[in-house]
Amino acid sequence: MPNTTVATGTFPSRKAANQAVQRLVSGGFARNSIELHGHEDDEGYDLEIHTRQENLKRAESLIHASAPMYSVKQAASGVMQTAKSYPYVLLGAGVLAGFLIYSLIPRDAHAEGQAGQRNRRRR
């Protein structure tokens, strides 16, 4: 590969290394550009990815991202894509939430507030 650089990461287990590989693949990197090497003492794995210089930061952030935070980020990204694609659904959900909150407000509190205002006027 001409004009490539290498991003690396070290992981304590095969599972953690495989999760990083999956993050890279789902992030758009080719699987054949990712190499996984076990340590000689069998206590960890090194990951290398050959990528262009302009993709280096993205590759490093995917390598070093924690699995739970990456999942949250992916879910949030999916929600934002859905909201952008279907703005009327988002508007409808907001209106529905407004009606729900309004229906949860006790009617007595609203009536007492108006009765209190009438009593003050009479005095």
PDB file of N, CA and C in Angstrom:
ATOM      1  N   MET A   1       0.845  -1.179   0.000  1.00  0.00           N
ATOM      2  CA  MET A   1       0.000   0.000   0.000  1.00  0.00           C
ATOM      3  C   MET A   1       0.889   1.240   0.000  1.00  0.00           C
ATOM      4  N   PRO A   2       0.812   2.046  -1.008  1.00  0.00           N
ATOM      5  CA  PRO A   2       1.603   3.266  -1.023  1.00  0.00           C
ATOM      6  C   PRO A   2       0.999   4.319  -0.096  1.00  0.00           C
ATOM      7  N   ASN A   3       1.876   5.132   0.502  1.00  0.00           N
ATOM      8  CA  ASN A   3       1.462   6.237   1.370  1.00  0.00           C
ATOM      9  C   ASN A   3       0.550   5.801   2.510  1.00  0.00           C
ATOM     10  N   THR A   4       0.919   4.741   3.207  1.00  0.00           N
ATOM     11  CA  THR A   4       0.114   4.298   4.347  1.00  0.00           C
ATOM     12  C   THR A   4       0.918   4.458   5.624  1.00  0.00           C
ATOM     13  N   THR A   5       0.216   4.460   6.710  1.00  0.00           N
ATOM     14  CA  THR A   5       0.819   4.505   8.026  1.00  0.00           C
ATOM     15  C   THR A   5       0.163   3.415   8.870  1.00  0.00           C
ATOM     16  N   VAL A   6       0.727   3.139  10.026  1.00  0.00           N
ATOM     17  CA  VAL A   6       0.238   2.048  10.863  1.00  0.00           C
ATOM     18  C   VAL A   6      -0.284   2.603  12.187  1.00  0.00           C
ATOM     19  N   ALA A   7      -1.482   2.182  12.537  1.00  0.00           N
ATOM     20  CA  ALA A   7      -2.047   2.471  13.855  1.00  0.00           C
ATOM     21  C   ALA A   7      -2.008   1.167  14.640  1.00  0.00           C
ATOM     22  N   THR A   8      -1.636   1.248  15.917  1.00  0.00           N
ATOM     23  CA  THR A   8      -1.478   0.037  16.714  1.00  0.00           C
ATOM     24  C   THR A   8      -2.233   0.135  18.034  1.00  0.00           C
ATOM     25  N   GLY A   9      -2.467  -1.018  18.602  1.00  0.00           N
ATOM     26  CA  GLY A   9      -3.081  -1.097  19.923  1.00  0.00           C
ATOM     27  C   GLY A   9      -2.707  -2.415  20.560  1.00  0.00           C
ATOM     28  N   THR A  10      -2.633  -2.448  21.890  1.00  0.00           N
ATOM     29  CA  THR A  10      -2.320  -3.661  22.641  1.00  0.00           C
ATOM     30  C   THR A  10      -3.502  -3.984  23.541  1.00  0.00           C
ATOM     31  N   PHE A  11      -3.888  -5.261  23.563  1.00  0.00           N
ATOM     32  CA  PHE A  11      -5.071  -5.686  24.304  1.00  0.00           C
ATOM     33  C   PHE A  11      -4.728  -6.856  25.218  1.00  0.00           C
ATOM     34  N   PRO A  12      -5.365  -6.941  26.387  1.00  0.00           N
ATOM     35  CA  PRO A  12      -5.040  -7.994  27.350  1.00  0.00           C
ATOM     36  C   PRO A  12      -5.612  -9.364  26.980  1.00  0.00           C
ATOM     37  N   SER A  13      -6.649  -9.390  26.131  1.00  0.00           N
ATOM     38  CA  SER A  13      -7.278 -10.675  25.801  1.00  0.00           C
ATOM     39  C   SER A  13      -7.658 -10.715  24.327  1.00  0.00           C
ATOM     40  N   ARG A  14      -7.909 -11.912  23.866  1.00  0.00           N
ATOM     41  CA  ARG A  14      -8.336 -12.091  22.468  1.00  0.00           C
ATOM     42  C   ARG A  14      -9.709 -11.449  22.252  1.00  0.00           C
ATOM     43  N   LYS A  15     -10.572 -11.537  23.246  1.00  0.00           N
ATOM     44  CA  LYS A  15     -11.913 -10.962  23.139  1.00  0.00           C
ATOM     45  C   LYS A  15     -11.849  -9.441  22.944  1.00  0.00           C
ATOM     46  N   ALA A  16     -11.021  -8.769  23.730  1.00  0.00           N
ATOM     47  CA  ALA A  16     -10.883  -7.316  23.606  1.00  0.00           C
ATOM     48  C   ALA A  16     -10.299  -6.938  22.247  1.00  0.00           C
ATOM     49  N   ALA A  17      -9.336  -7.722  21.778  1.00  0.00           N
ATOM     50  CA  ALA A  17      -8.738  -7.451  20.469  1.00  0.00           C
ATOM     51  C   ALA A  17      -9.762  -7.654  19.361  1.00  0.00           C
ATOM     52  N   ASN A  18     -10.563  -8.705  19.453  1.00  0.00           N
ATOM     53  CA  ASN A  18     -11.595  -8.956  18.450  1.00  0.00           C
ATOM     54  C   ASN A  18     -12.662  -7.866  18.443  1.00  0.00           C
ATOM     55  N   GLN A  19     -12.982  -7.328  19.612  1.00  0.00           N
ATOM     56  CA  GLN A  19     -13.940  -6.225  19.669  1.00  0.00           C
ATOM     57  C   GLN A  19     -13.401  -5.001  18.949  1.00  0.00           C
ATOM     58  N   ALA A  20     -12.102  -4.740  19.108  1.00  0.00           N
ATOM     59  CA  ALA A  20     -11.489  -3.614  18.402  1.00  0.00           C
ATOM     60  C   ALA A  20     -11.502  -3.855  16.895  1.00  0.00           C
ATOM     61  N   VAL A  21     -11.243  -5.086  16.494  1.00  0.00           N
ATOM     62  CA  VAL A  21     -11.297  -5.423  15.060  1.00  0.00           C
ATOM     63  C   VAL A  21     -12.702  -5.183  14.531  1.00  0.00           C
ATOM     64  N   GLN A  22     -13.718  -5.597  15.271  1.00  0.00           N
ATOM     65  CA  GLN A  22     -15.101  -5.392  14.835  1.00  0.00           C
ATOM     66  C   GLN A  22     -15.450  -3.912  14.740  1.00  0.00           C
ATOM     67  N   ARG A  23     -14.954  -3.109  15.688  1.00  0.00           N
ATOM     68  CA  ARG A  23     -15.190  -1.659  15.624  1.00  0.00           C
ATOM     69  C   ARG A  23     -14.564  -1.079  14.364  1.00  0.00           C
ATOM     70  N   LEU A  24     -13.361  -1.528  14.027  1.00  0.00           N
ATOM     71  CA  LEU A  24     -12.690  -1.033  12.827  1.00  0.00           C
ATOM     72  C   LEU A  24     -13.435  -1.441  11.565  1.00  0.00           C
ATOM     73  N   VAL A  25     -13.850  -2.689  11.504  1.00  0.00           N
ATOM     74  CA  VAL A  25     -14.568  -3.174  10.318  1.00  0.00           C
ATOM     75  C   VAL A  25     -15.901  -2.449  10.168  1.00  0.00           C
ATOM     76  N   SER A  26     -16.644  -2.281  11.280  1.00  0.00           N
ATOM     77  CA  SER A  26     -17.918  -1.575  11.194  1.00  0.00           C
ATOM     78  C   SER A  26     -17.711  -0.084  10.933  1.00  0.00           C
ATOM     79  N   GLY A  27     -16.510   0.416  11.233  1.00  0.00           N
ATOM     80  CA  GLY A  27     -16.176   1.810  10.945  1.00  0.00           C
ATOM     81  C   GLY A  27     -15.736   2.033   9.509  1.00  0.00           C
ATOM     82  N   GLY A  28     -15.696   0.972   8.702  1.00  0.00           N
ATOM     83  CA  GLY A  28     -15.401   1.136   7.289  1.00  0.00           C
ATOM     84  C   GLY A  28     -14.016   0.715   6.852  1.00  0.00           C
ATOM     85  N   PHE A  29     -13.218   0.169   7.756  1.00  0.00           N
ATOM     86  CA  PHE A  29     -11.878  -0.278   7.389  1.00  0.00           C
ATOM     87  C   PHE A  29     -11.935  -1.707   6.857  1.00  0.00           C
ATOM     88  N   ALA A  30     -11.083  -1.985   5.880  1.00  0.00           N
ATOM     89  CA  ALA A  30     -11.057  -3.323   5.281  1.00  0.00           C
ATOM     90  C   ALA A  30     -10.447  -4.322   6.250  1.00  0.00           C
ATOM     91  N   ARG A  31     -11.048  -5.494   6.338  1.00  0.00           N
ATOM     92  CA  ARG A  31     -10.561  -6.533   7.259  1.00  0.00           C
ATOM     93  C   ARG A  31      -9.163  -6.991   6.881  1.00  0.00           C
ATOM     94  N   ASN A  32      -8.844  -6.985   5.589  1.00  0.00           N
ATOM     95  CA  ASN A  32      -7.524  -7.462   5.178  1.00  0.00           C
ATOM     96  C   ASN A  32      -6.408  -6.461   5.474  1.00  0.00           C
ATOM     97  N   SER A  33      -6.740  -5.255   5.939  1.00  0.00           N
ATOM     98  CA  SER A  33      -5.708  -4.304   6.339  1.00  0.00           C
ATOM     99  C   SER A  33      -5.436  -4.362   7.842  1.00  0.00           C
ATOM    100  N   ILE A  34      -6.137  -5.253   8.563  1.00  0.00           N
ATOM    101  CA  ILE A  34      -6.009  -5.372  10.012  1.00  0.00           C
ATOM    102  C   ILE A  34      -5.267  -6.660  10.336  1.00  0.00           C
ATOM    103  N   GLU A  35      -4.235  -6.530  11.166  1.00  0.00           N
ATOM    104  CA  GLU A  35      -3.465  -7.705  11.582  1.00  0.00           C
ATOM    105  C   GLU A  35      -3.530  -7.833  13.098  1.00  0.00           C
ATOM    106  N   LEU A  36      -3.639  -9.066  13.558  1.00  0.00           N
ATOM    107  CA  LEU A  36      -3.701  -9.363  14.980  1.00  0.00           C
ATOM    108  C   LEU A  36      -2.591 -10.349  15.305  1.00  0.00           C
ATOM    109  N   HIS A  37      -1.720  -9.986  16.262  1.00  0.00           N
ATOM    110  CA  HIS A  37      -0.582 -10.828  16.636  1.00  0.00           C
ATOM    111  C   HIS A  37      -0.648 -11.126  18.127  1.00  0.00           C
ATOM    112  N   GLY A  38      -0.527 -12.394  18.475  1.00  0.00           N
ATOM    113  CA  GLY A  38      -0.472 -12.781  19.883  1.00  0.00           C
ATOM    114  C   GLY A  38       0.924 -12.559  20.439  1.00  0.00           C
ATOM    115  N   HIS A  39       1.018 -12.207  21.710  1.00  0.00           N
ATOM    116  CA  HIS A  39       2.315 -12.058  22.364  1.00  0.00           C
ATOM    117  C   HIS A  39       2.942 -13.434  22.567  1.00  0.00           C
ATOM    118  N   GLU A  40       4.254 -13.473  22.598  1.00  0.00           N
ATOM    119  CA  GLU A  40       4.950 -14.753  22.766  1.00  0.00           C
ATOM    120  C   GLU A  40       4.668 -15.389  24.120  1.00  0.00           C
ATOM    121  N   ASP A  41       4.488 -14.566  25.144  1.00  0.00           N
ATOM    122  CA  ASP A  41       4.222 -15.103  26.481  1.00  0.00           C
ATOM    123  C   ASP A  41       2.734 -15.405  26.690  1.00  0.00           C
ATOM    124  N   ASP A  42       1.936 -15.280  25.627  1.00  0.00           N
ATOM    125  CA  ASP A  42       0.515 -15.615  25.647  1.00  0.00           C
ATOM    126  C   ASP A  42      -0.279 -14.735  26.612  1.00  0.00           C
ATOM    127  N   GLU A  43       0.159 -13.496  26.803  1.00  0.00           N
ATOM    128  CA  GLU A  43      -0.540 -12.583  27.709  1.00  0.00           C
ATOM    129  C   GLU A  43      -0.966 -11.315  26.996  1.00  0.00           C
ATOM    130  N   GLY A  44      -1.643 -11.435  25.899  1.00  0.00           N
ATOM    131  CA  GLY A  44      -2.149 -10.256  25.217  1.00  0.00           C
ATOM    132  C   GLY A  44      -1.986 -10.342  23.713  1.00  0.00           C
ATOM    133  N   TYR A  45      -2.525  -9.325  23.064  1.00  0.00           N
ATOM    134  CA  TYR A  45      -2.516  -9.278  21.605  1.00  0.00           C
ATOM    135  C   TYR A  45      -2.206  -7.876  21.133  1.00  0.00           C
ATOM    136  N   ASP A  46      -1.488  -7.798  20.033  1.00  0.00           N
ATOM    137  CA  ASP A  46      -1.210  -6.526  19.365  1.00  0.00           C
ATOM    138  C   ASP A  46      -2.047  -6.450  18.108  1.00  0.00           C
ATOM    139  N   LEU A  47      -2.619  -5.285  17.862  1.00  0.00           N
ATOM    140  CA  LEU A  47      -3.415  -5.059  16.672  1.00  0.00           C
ATOM    141  C   LEU A  47      -2.715  -4.000  15.830  1.00  0.00           C
ATOM    142  N   GLU A  48      -2.627  -4.224  14.546  1.00  0.00           N
ATOM    143  CA  GLU A  48      -2.060  -3.245  13.612  1.00  0.00           C
ATOM    144  C   GLU A  48      -3.035  -3.062  12.467  1.00  0.00           C
ATOM    145  N   ILE A  49      -3.169  -1.832  12.038  1.00  0.00           N
ATOM    146  CA  ILE A  49      -3.975  -1.554  10.853  1.00  0.00           C
ATOM    147  C   ILE A  49      -3.196  -0.611   9.958  1.00  0.00           C
ATOM    148  N   HIS A  50      -3.113  -0.964   8.694  1.00  0.00           N
ATOM    149  CA  HIS A  50      -2.455  -0.123   7.702  1.00  0.00           C
ATOM    150  C   HIS A  50      -3.534   0.752   7.069  1.00  0.00           C
ATOM    151  N   THR A  51      -3.329   2.059   7.163  1.00  0.00           N
ATOM    152  CA  THR A  51      -4.333   2.995   6.666  1.00  0.00           C
ATOM    153  C   THR A  51      -3.666   4.248   6.126  1.00  0.00           C
ATOM    154  N   ARG A  52      -4.420   5.030   5.401  1.00  0.00           N
ATOM    155  CA  ARG A  52      -3.895   6.300   4.895  1.00  0.00           C
ATOM    156  C   ARG A  52      -3.783   7.293   6.042  1.00  0.00           C
ATOM    157  N   GLN A  53      -2.928   8.271   5.865  1.00  0.00           N
ATOM    158  CA  GLN A  53      -2.657   9.265   6.907  1.00  0.00           C
ATOM    159  C   GLN A  53      -3.935   9.999   7.335  1.00  0.00           C
ATOM    160  N   GLU A  54      -4.815  10.318   6.396  1.00  0.00           N
ATOM    161  CA  GLU A  54      -6.027  11.067   6.751  1.00  0.00           C
ATOM    162  C   GLU A  54      -7.025  10.234   7.567  1.00  0.00           C
ATOM    163  N   ASN A  55      -6.862   8.910   7.573  1.00  0.00           N
ATOM    164  CA  ASN A  55      -7.748   8.043   8.369  1.00  0.00           C
ATOM    165  C   ASN A  55      -7.114   7.593   9.681  1.00  0.00           C
ATOM    166  N   LEU A  56      -5.907   8.053   9.957  1.00  0.00           N
ATOM    167  CA  LEU A  56      -5.173   7.586  11.139  1.00  0.00           C
ATOM    168  C   LEU A  56      -5.900   7.915  12.446  1.00  0.00           C
ATOM    169  N   LYS A  57      -6.369   9.151  12.595  1.00  0.00           N
ATOM    170  CA  LYS A  57      -7.056   9.537  13.842  1.00  0.00           C
ATOM    171  C   LYS A  57      -8.321   8.710  14.061  1.00  0.00           C
ATOM    172  N   ARG A  58      -9.079   8.500  13.003  1.00  0.00           N
ATOM    173  CA  ARG A  58     -10.316   7.717  13.121  1.00  0.00           C
ATOM    174  C   ARG A  58      -9.993   6.279  13.513  1.00  0.00           C
ATOM    175  N   ALA A  59      -8.962   5.705  12.908  1.00  0.00           N
ATOM    176  CA  ALA A  59      -8.573   4.327  13.242  1.00  0.00           C
ATOM    177  C   ALA A  59      -8.129   4.231  14.694  1.00  0.00           C
ATOM    178  N   GLU A  60      -7.316   5.183  15.145  1.00  0.00           N
ATOM    179  CA  GLU A  60      -6.838   5.155  16.532  1.00  0.00           C
ATOM    180  C   GLU A  60      -7.986   5.330  17.518  1.00  0.00           C
ATOM    181  N   SER A  61      -8.944   6.181  17.184  1.00  0.00           N
ATOM    182  CA  SER A  61     -10.074   6.355  18.108  1.00  0.00           C
ATOM    183  C   SER A  61     -10.921   5.090  18.179  1.00  0.00           C
ATOM    184  N   LEU A  62     -11.050   4.369  17.063  1.00  0.00           N
ATOM    185  CA  LEU A  62     -11.799   3.113  17.092  1.00  0.00           C
ATOM    186  C   LEU A  62     -11.036   2.021  17.831  1.00  0.00           C
ATOM    187  N   ILE A  63      -9.719   2.008  17.690  1.00  0.00           N
ATOM    188  CA  ILE A  63      -8.909   1.005  18.391  1.00  0.00           C
ATOM    189  C   ILE A  63      -9.001   1.201  19.896  1.00  0.00           C
ATOM    190  N   HIS A  64      -8.912   2.429  20.337  1.00  0.00           N
ATOM    191  CA  HIS A  64      -8.823   2.711  21.774  1.00  0.00           C
ATOM    192  C   HIS A  64     -10.165   3.022  22.424  1.00  0.00           C
ATOM    193  N   ALA A  65     -11.268   2.932  21.679  1.00  0.00           N
ATOM    194  CA  ALA A  65     -12.590   3.183  22.254  1.00  0.00           C
ATOM    195  C   ALA A  65     -12.989   2.027  23.155  1.00  0.00           C
ATOM    196  N   SER A  66     -13.686   2.342  24.235  1.00  0.00           N
ATOM    197  CA  SER A  66     -14.189   1.263  25.092  1.00  0.00           C
ATOM    198  C   SER A  66     -15.439   0.691  24.441  1.00  0.00           C
ATOM    199  N   ALA A  67     -15.664  -0.582  24.610  1.00  0.00           N
ATOM    200  CA  ALA A  67     -16.791  -1.259  23.959  1.00  0.00           C
ATOM    201  C   ALA A  67     -18.145  -0.678  24.386  1.00  0.00           C
ATOM    202  N   PRO A  68     -18.404  -0.442  25.684  1.00  0.00           N
ATOM    203  CA  PRO A  68     -19.717   0.110  26.057  1.00  0.00           C
ATOM    204  C   PRO A  68     -19.942   1.519  25.499  1.00  0.00           C
ATOM    205  N   MET A  69     -18.924   2.358  25.534  1.00  0.00           N
ATOM    206  CA  MET A  69     -19.083   3.717  25.017  1.00  0.00           C
ATOM    207  C   MET A  69     -19.285   3.700  23.505  1.00  0.00           C
ATOM    208  N   TYR A  70     -18.626   2.787  22.824  1.00  0.00           N
ATOM    209  CA  TYR A  70     -18.807   2.670  21.382  1.00  0.00           C
ATOM    210  C   TYR A  70     -20.241   2.257  21.063  1.00  0.00           C
ATOM    211  N   SER A  71     -20.801   1.348  21.850  1.00  0.00           N
ATOM    212  CA  SER A  71     -22.187   0.909  21.645  1.00  0.00           C
ATOM    213  C   SER A  71     -23.156   2.065  21.853  1.00  0.00           C
ATOM    214  N   VAL A  72     -22.929   2.854  22.886  1.00  0.00           N
ATOM    215  CA  VAL A  72     -23.788   4.011  23.152  1.00  0.00           C
ATOM    216  C   VAL A  72     -23.684   5.007  22.001  1.00  0.00           C
ATOM    217  N   LYS A  73     -22.494   5.231  21.530  1.00  0.00           N
ATOM    218  CA  LYS A  73     -22.283   6.174  20.423  1.00  0.00           C
ATOM    219  C   LYS A  73     -22.990   5.692  19.160  1.00  0.00           C
ATOM    220  N   GLN A  74     -22.910   4.397  18.876  1.00  0.00           N
ATOM    221  CA  GLN A  74     -23.572   3.844  17.697  1.00  0.00           C
ATOM    222  C   GLN A  74     -25.086   3.974  17.823  1.00  0.00           C
ATOM    223  N   ALA A  75     -25.624   3.704  19.006  1.00  0.00           N
ATOM    224  CA  ALA A  75     -27.074   3.807  19.212  1.00  0.00           C
ATOM    225  C   ALA A  75     -27.535   5.255  19.058  1.00  0.00           C
ATOM    226  N   ALA A  76     -26.787   6.179  19.632  1.00  0.00           N
ATOM    227  CA  ALA A  76     -27.136   7.597  19.523  1.00  0.00           C
ATOM    228  C   ALA A  76     -27.069   8.051  18.071  1.00  0.00           C
ATOM    229  N   SER A  77     -26.093   7.558  17.346  1.00  0.00           N
ATOM    230  CA  SER A  77     -25.973   7.899  15.940  1.00  0.00           C
ATOM    231  C   SER A  77     -27.178   7.379  15.158  1.00  0.00           C
ATOM    232  N   GLY A  78     -27.631   6.179  15.481  1.00  0.00           N
ATOM    233  CA  GLY A  78     -28.808   5.622  14.826  1.00  0.00           C
ATOM    234  C   GLY A  78     -30.060   6.419  15.122  1.00  0.00           C
ATOM    235  N   VAL A  79     -30.201   6.875  16.347  1.00  0.00           N
ATOM    236  CA  VAL A  79     -31.360   7.685  16.727  1.00  0.00           C
ATOM    237  C   VAL A  79     -31.344   9.001  15.962  1.00  0.00           C
ATOM    238  N   MET A  80     -30.177   9.613  15.853  1.00  0.00           N
ATOM    239  CA  MET A  80     -30.073  10.884  15.123  1.00  0.00           C
ATOM    240  C   MET A  80     -30.381  10.695  13.643  1.00  0.00           C
ATOM    241  N   GLN A  81     -29.914   9.611  13.052  1.00  0.00           N
ATOM    242  CA  GLN A  81     -30.214   9.339  11.644  1.00  0.00           C
ATOM    243  C   GLN A  81     -31.719   9.163  11.441  1.00  0.00           C
ATOM    244  N   THR A  82     -32.368   8.471  12.350  1.00  0.00           N
ATOM    245  CA  THR A  82     -33.807   8.268  12.255  1.00  0.00           C
ATOM    246  C   THR A  82     -34.539   9.597  12.401  1.00  0.00           C
ATOM    247  N   ALA A  83     -34.108  10.416  13.347  1.00  0.00           N
ATOM    248  CA  ALA A  83     -34.749  11.717  13.558  1.00  0.00           C
ATOM    249  C   ALA A  83     -34.594  12.605  12.326  1.00  0.00           C
ATOM    250  N   LYS A  84     -33.447  12.554  11.688  1.00  0.00           N
ATOM    251  CA  LYS A  84     -33.240  13.353  10.473  1.00  0.00           C
ATOM    252  C   LYS A  84     -34.073  12.829   9.319  1.00  0.00           C
ATOM    253  N   SER A  85     -34.250  11.523   9.252  1.00  0.00           N
ATOM    254  CA  SER A  85     -34.992  10.920   8.150  1.00  0.00           C
ATOM    255  C   SER A  85     -36.501  11.099   8.301  1.00  0.00           C
ATOM    256  N   TYR A  86     -36.988  11.095   9.534  1.00  0.00           N
ATOM    257  CA  TYR A  86     -38.421  11.162   9.782  1.00  0.00           C
ATOM    258  C   TYR A  86     -38.742  12.278  10.786  1.00  0.00           C
ATOM    259  N   PRO A  87     -38.645  13.538  10.377  1.00  0.00           N
ATOM    260  CA  PRO A  87     -38.869  14.629  11.340  1.00  0.00           C
ATOM    261  C   PRO A  87     -40.315  14.703  11.834  1.00  0.00           C
ATOM    262  N   TYR A  88     -41.298  14.275  11.025  1.00  0.00           N
ATOM    263  CA  TYR A  88     -42.689  14.334  11.472  1.00  0.00           C
ATOM    264  C   TYR A  88     -42.971  13.319  12.567  1.00  0.00           C
ATOM    265  N   VAL A  89     -42.281  12.193  12.529  1.00  0.00           N
ATOM    266  CA  VAL A  89     -42.424  11.204  13.599  1.00  0.00           C
ATOM    267  C   VAL A  89     -41.893  11.793  14.901  1.00  0.00           C
ATOM    268  N   LEU A  90     -40.773  12.499  14.817  1.00  0.00           N
ATOM    269  CA  LEU A  90     -40.201  13.146  15.997  1.00  0.00           C
ATOM    270  C   LEU A  90     -41.151  14.225  16.530  1.00  0.00           C
ATOM    271  N   LEU A  91     -41.727  15.003  15.635  1.00  0.00           N
ATOM    272  CA  LEU A  91     -42.683  16.031  16.048  1.00  0.00           C
ATOM    273  C   LEU A  91     -43.901  15.394  16.712  1.00  0.00           C
ATOM    274  N   GLY A  92     -44.421  14.323  16.119  1.00  0.00           N
ATOM    275  CA  GLY A  92     -45.570  13.622  16.698  1.00  0.00           C
ATOM    276  C   GLY A  92     -45.262  13.061  18.074  1.00  0.00           C
ATOM    277  N   ALA A  93     -44.045  12.514  18.233  1.00  0.00           N
ATOM    278  CA  ALA A  93     -43.650  11.988  19.540  1.00  0.00           C
ATOM    279  C   ALA A  93     -43.580  13.114  20.572  1.00  0.00           C
ATOM    280  N   GLY A  94     -43.107  14.281  20.164  1.00  0.00           N
ATOM    281  CA  GLY A  94     -43.043  15.429  21.077  1.00  0.00           C
ATOM    282  C   GLY A  94     -44.426  15.894  21.497  1.00  0.00           C
ATOM    283  N   VAL A  95     -45.347  15.943  20.539  1.00  0.00           N
ATOM    284  CA  VAL A  95     -46.727  16.348  20.852  1.00  0.00           C
ATOM    285  C   VAL A  95     -47.375  15.323  21.774  1.00  0.00           C
ATOM    286  N   LEU A  96     -47.172  14.062  21.488  1.00  0.00           N
ATOM    287  CA  LEU A  96     -47.717  13.002  22.334  1.00  0.00           C
ATOM    288  C   LEU A  96     -47.162  13.091  23.757  1.00  0.00           C
ATOM    289  N   ALA A  97     -45.872  13.351  23.881  1.00  0.00           N
ATOM    290  CA  ALA A  97     -45.264  13.502  25.208  1.00  0.00           C
ATOM    291  C   ALA A  97     -45.862  14.706  25.937  1.00  0.00           C
ATOM    292  N   GLY A  98     -46.123  15.791  25.207  1.00  0.00           N
ATOM    293  CA  GLY A  98     -46.743  16.969  25.817  1.00  0.00           C
ATOM    294  C   GLY A  98     -48.135  16.666  26.355  1.00  0.00           C
ATOM    295  N   PHE A  99     -48.933  15.953  25.566  1.00  0.00           N
ATOM    296  CA  PHE A  99     -50.268  15.560  26.034  1.00  0.00           C
ATOM    297  C   PHE A  99     -50.186  14.638  27.240  1.00  0.00           C
ATOM    298  N   LEU A 100     -49.218  13.743  27.231  1.00  0.00           N
ATOM    299  CA  LEU A 100     -49.059  12.821  28.355  1.00  0.00           C
ATOM    300  C   LEU A 100     -48.711  13.579  29.634  1.00  0.00           C
ATOM    301  N   ILE A 101     -47.792  14.495  29.551  1.00  0.00           N
ATOM    302  CA  ILE A 101     -47.410  15.289  30.725  1.00  0.00           C
ATOM    303  C   ILE A 101     -48.591  16.125  31.205  1.00  0.00           C
ATOM    304  N   TYR A 102     -49.320  16.732  30.272  1.00  0.00           N
ATOM    305  CA  TYR A 102     -50.487  17.531  30.642  1.00  0.00           C
ATOM    306  C   TYR A 102     -51.539  16.676  31.346  1.00  0.00           C
ATOM    307  N   SER A 103     -51.725  15.431  30.869  1.00  0.00           N
ATOM    308  CA  SER A 103     -52.730  14.571  31.487  1.00  0.00           C
ATOM    309  C   SER A 103     -52.312  14.104  32.877  1.00  0.00           C
ATOM    310  N   LEU A 104     -51.026  14.146  33.190  1.00  0.00           N
ATOM    311  CA  LEU A 104     -50.550  13.729  34.508  1.00  0.00           C
ATOM    312  C   LEU A 104     -50.671  14.833  35.557  1.00  0.00           C
ATOM    313  N   ILE A 105     -50.887  16.066  35.131  1.00  0.00           N
ATOM    314  CA  ILE A 105     -51.042  17.176  36.078  1.00  0.00           C
ATOM    315  C   ILE A 105     -52.402  17.030  36.749  1.00  0.00           C
ATOM    316  N   PRO A 106     -52.443  17.034  38.086  1.00  0.00           N
ATOM    317  CA  PRO A 106     -53.727  16.868  38.789  1.00  0.00           C
ATOM    318  C   PRO A 106     -54.677  18.019  38.472  1.00  0.00           C
ATOM    319  N   ARG A 107     -55.921  17.695  38.211  1.00  0.00           N
ATOM    320  CA  ARG A 107     -56.932  18.719  37.895  1.00  0.00           C
ATOM    321  C   ARG A 107     -57.245  19.582  39.121  1.00  0.00           C
ATOM    322  N   ASP A 108     -57.172  19.008  40.327  1.00  0.00           N
ATOM    323  CA  ASP A 108     -57.470  19.756  41.548  1.00  0.00           C
ATOM    324  C   ASP A 108     -56.492  20.899  41.745  1.00  0.00           C
ATOM    325  N   ALA A 109     -55.231  20.673  41.435  1.00  0.00           N
ATOM    326  CA  ALA A 109     -54.228  21.732  41.616  1.00  0.00           C
ATOM    327  C   ALA A 109     -54.535  22.891  40.685  1.00  0.00           C
ATOM    328  N   HIS A 110     -54.962  22.590  39.480  1.00  0.00           N
ATOM    329  CA  HIS A 110     -55.287  23.627  38.512  1.00  0.00           C
ATOM    330  C   HIS A 110     -56.540  24.390  38.972  1.00  0.00           C
ATOM    331  N   ALA A 111     -57.546  23.664  39.481  1.00  0.00           N
ATOM    332  CA  ALA A 111     -58.786  24.294  39.954  1.00  0.00           C
ATOM    333  C   ALA A 111     -58.535  25.125  41.209  1.00  0.00           C
ATOM    334  N   GLU A 112     -57.692  24.637  42.118  1.00  0.00           N
ATOM    335  CA  GLU A 112     -57.381  25.395  43.337  1.00  0.00           C
ATOM    336  C   GLU A 112     -56.679  26.691  43.009  1.00  0.00           C
ATOM    337  N   GLY A 113     -55.831  26.664  42.020  1.00  0.00           N
ATOM    338  CA  GLY A 113     -55.140  27.893  41.617  1.00  0.00           C
ATOM    339  C   GLY A 113     -56.119  28.940  41.124  1.00  0.00           C
ATOM    340  N   GLN A 114     -57.108  28.540  40.360  1.00  0.00           N
ATOM    341  CA  GLN A 114     -58.102  29.488  39.865  1.00  0.00           C
ATOM    342  C   GLN A 114     -59.017  29.954  40.991  1.00  0.00           C
ATOM    343  N   ALA A 115     -59.391  29.059  41.915  1.00  0.00           N
ATOM    344  CA  ALA A 115     -60.253  29.431  43.039  1.00  0.00           C
ATOM    345  C   ALA A 115     -59.523  30.408  43.951  1.00  0.00           C
ATOM    346  N   GLY A 116     -58.262  30.226  44.138  1.00  0.00           N
ATOM    347  CA  GLY A 116     -57.484  31.139  44.967  1.00  0.00           C
ATOM    348  C   GLY A 116     -57.437  32.536  44.372  1.00  0.00           C
ATOM    349  N   GLN A 117     -57.369  32.615  43.069  1.00  0.00           N
ATOM    350  CA  GLN A 117     -57.365  33.919  42.417  1.00  0.00           C
ATOM    351  C   GLN A 117     -58.718  34.600  42.570  1.00  0.00           C
ATOM    352  N   ARG A 118     -59.820  33.850  42.501  1.00  0.00           N
ATOM    353  CA  ARG A 118     -61.164  34.422  42.676  1.00  0.00           C
ATOM    354  C   ARG A 118     -61.351  34.933  44.100  1.00  0.00           C
ATOM    355  N   ASN A 119     -60.842  34.165  45.090  1.00  0.00           N
ATOM    356  CA  ASN A 119     -60.986  34.573  46.493  1.00  0.00           C
ATOM    357  C   ASN A 119     -60.223  35.871  46.761  1.00  0.00           C
ATOM    358  N   ARG A 120     -59.083  36.047  46.145  1.00  0.00           N
ATOM    359  CA  ARG A 120     -58.318  37.271  46.354  1.00  0.00           C
ATOM    360  C   ARG A 120     -59.051  38.472  45.769  1.00  0.00           C
ATOM    361  N   ARG A 121     -59.756  38.278  44.704  1.00  0.00           N
ATOM    362  CA  ARG A 121     -60.481  39.381  44.064  1.00  0.00           C
ATOM    363  C   ARG A 121     -61.667  39.830  44.940  1.00  0.00           C
ATOM    364  N   ARG A 122     -62.278  38.896  45.648  1.00  0.00           N
ATOM    365  CA  ARG A 122     -63.456  39.207  46.476  1.00  0.00           C
ATOM    366  C   ARG A 122     -63.089  40.013  47.714  1.00  0.00           C
ATOM    367  N   ARG A 123     -61.918  39.907  48.189  1.00  0.00           N
ATOM    368  CA  ARG A 123     -61.537  40.575  49.459  1.00  0.00           C
ATOM    369  C   ARG A 123     -61.387  42.023  49.290  1.00  0.00           C
TER     370      ARG A 123
END
